[in-house]
Protein backbone atom coordinates (compact mmCIF):
# COMPACT_ATOMS: atom_id res chain seq x y z
CA MET A 1 -27.10 -20.88 -19.44
CA SER A 2 -23.53 -21.11 -20.61
CA LEU A 3 -20.58 -22.92 -19.11
CA THR A 4 -17.33 -21.12 -18.47
CA LEU A 5 -14.06 -22.59 -19.66
CA SER A 6 -13.15 -23.99 -16.24
CA GLN A 7 -16.61 -25.54 -15.83
CA THR A 8 -16.28 -27.13 -19.25
CA TRP A 9 -12.95 -28.65 -18.27
CA ILE A 10 -14.41 -30.00 -15.02
CA VAL A 11 -17.68 -31.33 -16.48
CA LEU A 12 -16.54 -32.54 -19.92
CA GLY A 13 -12.82 -32.04 -20.51
CA VAL A 14 -11.26 -34.15 -17.79
CA PRO A 15 -13.76 -37.04 -17.98
CA LEU A 16 -13.49 -37.26 -21.78
CA LEU A 17 -9.68 -37.14 -21.64
CA VAL A 18 -9.75 -40.03 -19.15
CA VAL A 19 -12.08 -41.98 -21.46
CA ALA A 20 -9.84 -41.27 -24.45
CA ALA A 21 -6.73 -42.35 -22.51
CA GLY A 22 -8.50 -45.56 -21.52
CA LEU A 23 -9.37 -46.25 -25.14
CA PHE A 24 -5.71 -45.98 -26.16
CA VAL A 25 -4.61 -48.67 -23.67
CA GLY A 26 -3.79 -51.91 -25.46
CA ARG A 27 -3.34 -52.51 -29.15
CA SER A 28 -6.92 -52.51 -30.46
CA ARG A 29 -7.44 -50.52 -33.66
CA LEU A 30 -11.14 -50.08 -32.95
CA ARG A 31 -10.54 -48.65 -29.49
CA ALA A 32 -7.82 -46.37 -30.85
CA LEU A 33 -10.21 -45.13 -33.53
CA LEU A 34 -12.85 -44.43 -30.88
CA GLY A 35 -10.18 -42.63 -28.83
CA TYR A 36 -9.43 -40.37 -31.80
CA VAL A 37 -13.16 -39.71 -32.23
CA VAL A 38 -13.46 -38.69 -28.57
CA LEU A 39 -10.43 -36.39 -28.86
CA THR A 40 -11.79 -34.83 -32.06
CA ALA A 41 -15.16 -34.18 -30.41
CA LEU A 42 -13.40 -32.63 -27.42
CA LEU A 43 -11.26 -30.50 -29.72
CA GLY A 44 -14.38 -29.28 -31.51
CA LEU A 45 -16.00 -28.48 -28.19
CA PHE A 46 -13.13 -26.33 -26.99
CA VAL A 47 -12.82 -24.53 -30.33
CA THR A 48 -16.43 -23.34 -29.99
CA ILE A 49 -16.08 -22.05 -26.42
CA PRO A 50 -14.92 -18.43 -26.08
CA GLY A 51 -11.34 -18.43 -24.80
CA GLY A 52 -10.97 -22.15 -25.44
CA GLY A 53 -8.17 -21.85 -27.98
CA PRO A 54 -5.35 -22.88 -25.62
CA SER A 55 -7.49 -25.75 -24.35
CA ALA A 56 -8.05 -26.91 -27.92
CA VAL A 57 -4.29 -26.85 -28.44
CA VAL A 58 -3.79 -29.04 -25.34
CA VAL A 59 -6.35 -31.59 -26.56
CA GLY A 60 -4.81 -31.51 -30.03
CA LEU A 61 -1.36 -32.19 -28.57
CA VAL A 62 -2.73 -35.20 -26.68
CA GLY A 63 -4.09 -36.55 -29.98
CA LEU A 64 -0.81 -35.81 -31.73
CA ALA A 65 1.13 -37.65 -29.02
CA ALA A 66 -1.16 -40.69 -29.40
CA LEU A 67 -0.69 -40.65 -33.15
CA ALA A 68 3.08 -40.19 -32.84
CA THR A 69 3.34 -43.31 -30.68
CA GLY A 70 1.59 -45.29 -33.40
CA ARG A 71 -1.71 -45.97 -31.65
CA GLY A 72 -4.17 -47.37 -34.15
CA THR A 73 -1.71 -47.33 -37.06
CA HIS A 74 0.35 -49.99 -38.81
CA LEU A 75 3.17 -49.31 -36.32
CA ASP A 76 0.91 -50.61 -33.58
CA ASP A 77 0.62 -54.02 -35.24
CA ALA A 78 4.36 -54.74 -35.01
CA ALA A 79 4.56 -54.19 -31.25
CA PRO A 80 3.71 -57.31 -29.23
CA GLU A 81 1.49 -57.15 -26.19
CA HIS A 82 3.28 -57.51 -22.86
CA HIS A 83 1.85 -60.99 -22.32
CA GLU A 84 3.00 -62.10 -25.78
CA ALA A 85 6.60 -61.04 -25.16
CA ARG A 86 7.23 -62.86 -21.90
CA ARG A 87 9.14 -66.09 -21.94
CA ARG A 88 8.13 -67.54 -18.62
CA TYR A 89 4.81 -67.50 -16.84
CA THR A 90 6.20 -67.27 -13.35
CA THR A 91 8.14 -64.75 -11.32
CA ALA A 92 10.14 -67.47 -9.56
CA ALA A 93 13.86 -67.52 -10.18
CA PRO A 94 15.10 -70.27 -12.52
CA ARG A 95 16.76 -73.25 -10.86
């Protein structure tokens, strides 16, 4: 029994892309590395499916976009987390 391309996207593609996107949230190098592993596995999956070439390109572009934004690289270390950059801990207007 073989899955078609659309079934593969529904069963594996979309859930694994959501997992990978969740792993790239925040500034953790370990989670970013796991996100790249998930995207690489998904890329390999779509390369092996007949007609999955364009899907593999889409997954590869998602990985390229994550890498271009510096996720999991030395560029990621320089960017502060949102809670580290705030100056006040309240939303009230200053008096």
